[in-house]
């Protein structure tokens, strides 16, 4: 698959199954992430790779966080929290880990981490894998942040779910570039 086909046709694939990507496929995803634009070569990111038992441990963290938020063990969000990480055979947690630098603000470093996630999404598509970028409340929850070992300055940018696609992706709506791009100054 050529690069432009990958860029023009990638879609999120939320319905995933096993097996997890092979070691070679994982390395291709990781190398794609490491090519993200990175002003001053700060490498302002790190990634946690979760498979097998680690997915169940993340489910326990999600359950604990949902219970703390809802205060009711019978709440639907609490009941389903444990199963959320089991929607894929592998999750890559992308963490922005900004470094002090006089010319590179933390926001730019977070953007670099986000591009790394985007690169992995594109690589997954090129490899014939399914992937979806998830965040939501768990990305900002202190119980989950602490449980995953984040430092105070770090942020979860994505929970990247990766596996084999179940079914076809949703059709991508055609977008007209003229609706989003303008020449400046306009004539």
Protein backbone atom coordinates (compact mmCIF):
# COMPACT_ATOMS: atom_id res chain seq x y z
CA UNK A 1 0.00 0.00 0.00
CA UNK A 2 1.52 3.32 -1.02
CA UNK A 3 1.79 6.20 1.45
CA UNK A 4 -0.94 8.36 -0.08
CA UNK A 5 -3.41 5.47 -0.10
CA UNK A 6 -2.71 4.92 3.59
CA UNK A 7 -3.18 8.62 4.35
CA UNK A 8 -6.35 8.95 2.29
CA UNK A 9 -8.07 5.74 3.41
CA UNK A 10 -7.27 5.13 7.08
CA UNK A 11 -10.28 4.86 9.36
CA UNK A 12 -10.65 4.02 13.03
CA UNK A 13 -11.51 0.39 13.63
CA UNK A 14 -13.18 0.16 17.07
CA UNK A 15 -14.18 -3.51 16.73
CA UNK A 16 -11.03 -5.54 17.23
CA UNK A 17 -10.03 -9.10 18.03
CA UNK A 18 -6.87 -11.14 18.43
CA UNK A 19 -4.30 -12.05 17.76
CA UNK A 20 -2.19 -9.10 18.80
CA UNK A 21 0.22 -7.72 16.24
CA UNK A 22 3.29 -9.90 15.74
CA UNK A 23 6.66 -8.80 17.10
CA UNK A 24 7.61 -7.56 13.63
CA UNK A 25 4.36 -5.61 13.27
CA UNK A 26 4.82 -4.11 16.73
CA UNK A 27 8.33 -2.99 15.85
CA UNK A 28 6.99 -1.36 12.68
CA UNK A 29 4.41 0.53 14.78
CA UNK A 30 7.06 1.59 17.28
CA UNK A 31 9.44 2.80 14.57
CA UNK A 32 6.63 4.81 12.98
CA UNK A 33 5.99 6.52 16.33
CA UNK A 34 9.66 7.39 16.71
CA UNK A 35 9.62 9.31 13.41
CA UNK A 36 7.22 11.95 14.73
CA UNK A 37 8.41 15.54 14.34
CA UNK A 38 10.38 16.39 17.45
CA UNK A 39 11.77 19.91 17.81
CA UNK A 40 15.26 19.76 19.40
CA UNK A 41 15.14 15.94 19.47
CA UNK A 42 13.76 15.91 22.97
CA UNK A 43 11.94 12.59 22.57
CA UNK A 44 9.11 13.98 24.73
CA UNK A 45 7.13 10.77 24.85
CA UNK A 46 7.09 7.27 26.21
CA UNK A 47 4.80 4.35 25.57
CA UNK A 48 3.44 1.48 27.65
CA UNK A 49 2.54 -1.70 25.75
CA UNK A 50 -0.20 -3.76 27.39
CA UNK A 51 -1.15 -7.30 26.42
CA UNK A 52 -2.60 -10.31 28.21
CA UNK A 53 -2.66 -9.92 32.00
CA UNK A 54 -1.69 -6.24 31.71
CA UNK A 55 -5.05 -5.56 30.01
CA UNK A 56 -6.85 -7.08 32.99
CA UNK A 57 -4.75 -4.97 35.35
CA UNK A 58 -5.74 -1.86 33.40
CA UNK A 59 -9.35 -3.04 33.71
CA UNK A 60 -8.95 -3.13 37.49
CA UNK A 61 -7.56 0.43 37.44
CA UNK A 62 -10.49 1.56 35.30
CA UNK A 63 -12.91 -0.16 37.67
CA UNK A 64 -11.34 1.49 40.74
CA UNK A 65 -11.45 4.91 39.03
CA UNK A 66 -15.07 4.45 37.90
CA UNK A 67 -16.12 3.37 41.40
CA UNK A 68 -14.39 6.39 42.95
CA UNK A 69 -16.16 8.70 40.52
CA UNK A 70 -19.63 7.11 40.64
CA UNK A 71 -19.63 6.04 44.28
CA UNK A 72 -22.05 3.25 43.37
CA UNK A 73 -20.75 -0.24 42.59
CA UNK A 74 -23.96 -1.01 40.68
CA UNK A 75 -23.56 1.91 38.26
CA UNK A 76 -23.33 0.82 34.63
CA UNK A 77 -20.02 2.63 34.06
CA UNK A 78 -18.51 0.84 37.06
CA UNK A 79 -19.83 -2.54 35.95
CA UNK A 80 -18.40 -2.28 32.44
CA UNK A 81 -15.08 -0.61 33.35
CA UNK A 82 -13.17 -3.88 33.82
CA UNK A 83 -14.02 -5.08 30.32
CA UNK A 84 -13.05 -1.92 28.43
CA UNK A 85 -9.38 -2.86 27.87
CA UNK A 86 -10.43 -6.30 26.64
CA UNK A 87 -11.81 -4.78 23.44
CA UNK A 88 -8.41 -5.29 21.80
CA UNK A 89 -5.53 -7.73 22.23
CA UNK A 90 -3.04 -4.89 22.67
CA UNK A 91 -3.17 -1.32 23.95
CA UNK A 92 -0.36 1.18 23.61
CA UNK A 93 -0.60 3.97 26.18
CA UNK A 94 1.02 7.07 24.67
CA UNK A 95 2.38 9.40 27.33
CA UNK A 96 3.59 12.93 26.72
CA UNK A 97 6.67 13.34 28.87
CA UNK A 98 7.79 16.93 28.33
CA UNK A 99 11.36 17.99 28.93
CA UNK A 100 12.44 21.44 30.10
CA UNK A 101 13.65 23.44 27.11
CA UNK A 102 13.81 27.22 26.60
CA UNK A 103 12.57 27.06 23.00
CA UNK A 104 10.18 24.10 23.00
CA UNK A 105 7.05 24.58 25.13
CA UNK A 106 5.22 21.63 26.66
CA UNK A 107 2.30 22.09 24.24
CA UNK A 108 4.59 21.52 21.28
CA UNK A 109 5.98 18.42 22.94
CA UNK A 110 2.44 17.10 23.53
CA UNK A 111 1.73 17.66 19.85
CA UNK A 112 4.80 15.59 19.01
CA UNK A 113 3.42 12.72 21.09
CA UNK A 114 0.05 13.05 19.33
CA UNK A 115 1.77 12.84 15.94
CA UNK A 116 3.55 9.69 17.14
CA UNK A 117 0.11 8.17 17.84
CA UNK A 118 -1.10 9.28 14.40
CA UNK A 119 1.94 7.66 12.82
CA UNK A 120 1.12 4.39 14.59
CA UNK A 121 -2.48 4.56 13.35
CA UNK A 122 -1.24 4.99 9.80
CA UNK A 123 1.31 2.19 10.19
CA UNK A 124 -1.36 -0.12 11.59
CA UNK A 125 -3.54 0.56 8.54
CA UNK A 126 -0.60 -0.05 6.19
CA UNK A 127 0.06 -3.38 7.96
CA UNK A 128 -3.56 -4.48 7.60
CA UNK A 129 -4.25 -4.09 11.32
CA UNK A 130 -7.16 -2.35 12.94
CA UNK A 131 -6.62 0.43 15.45
CA UNK A 132 -8.55 3.11 17.31
CA UNK A 133 -7.39 6.06 19.42
CA UNK A 134 -9.29 6.38 22.69
CA UNK A 135 -8.95 8.89 25.52
CA UNK A 136 -11.91 10.14 27.54
CA UNK A 137 -12.00 10.51 31.31
CA UNK A 138 -9.53 7.65 31.93
CA UNK A 139 -6.77 9.67 30.26
CA UNK A 140 -7.13 12.38 32.90
CA UNK A 141 -8.04 10.32 35.96
CA UNK A 142 -5.51 10.51 38.82
CA UNK A 143 -6.10 6.88 39.88
CA UNK A 144 -5.23 5.67 36.40
CA UNK A 145 -2.34 8.09 36.02
CA UNK A 146 -0.87 6.96 39.34
CA UNK A 147 -1.51 3.30 38.60
CA UNK A 148 0.34 3.57 35.30
CA UNK A 149 3.24 5.40 36.97
CA UNK A 150 2.94 8.81 35.36
CA UNK A 151 5.04 11.66 36.71
CA UNK A 152 3.19 14.90 37.60
CA UNK A 153 4.18 16.67 34.36
CA UNK A 154 3.18 13.74 32.14
CA UNK A 155 -0.13 13.34 30.28
CA UNK A 156 -1.84 10.41 28.65
CA UNK A 157 -2.34 11.39 25.03
CA UNK A 158 -3.93 8.14 23.86
CA UNK A 159 -4.93 4.62 24.63
CA UNK A 160 -4.22 3.13 21.20
CA UNK A 161 -6.18 -0.10 20.83
CA UNK A 162 -4.63 -2.40 18.19
CA UNK A 163 -5.59 -5.79 16.80
CA UNK A 164 -7.30 -7.53 13.93
CA UNK A 165 -10.31 -5.70 12.50
CA UNK A 166 -13.73 -7.23 12.99
CA UNK A 167 -15.75 -6.21 9.97
CA UNK A 168 -15.39 -3.26 7.68
CA UNK A 169 -14.67 0.30 8.75
CA UNK A 170 -17.29 2.98 8.47
CA UNK A 171 -17.34 4.74 5.13
CA UNK A 172 -15.29 7.89 5.29
CA UNK A 173 -17.24 10.98 4.32
CA UNK A 174 -15.77 12.82 1.39
CA UNK A 175 -14.41 16.16 2.49
CA UNK A 176 -13.69 19.01 0.15
CA UNK A 177 -10.31 20.60 0.78
CA UNK A 178 -11.74 23.99 -0.27
CA UNK A 179 -13.95 23.89 2.84
CA UNK A 180 -10.87 23.89 5.09
CA UNK A 181 -8.02 25.47 3.14
CA UNK A 182 -7.82 29.07 2.04
CA UNK A 183 -5.10 31.07 0.34
CA UNK A 184 -3.89 33.91 2.45
CA UNK A 185 -4.17 36.72 1.88
CA UNK A 186 -7.31 36.18 -0.13
CA UNK A 187 -7.38 37.95 -3.44
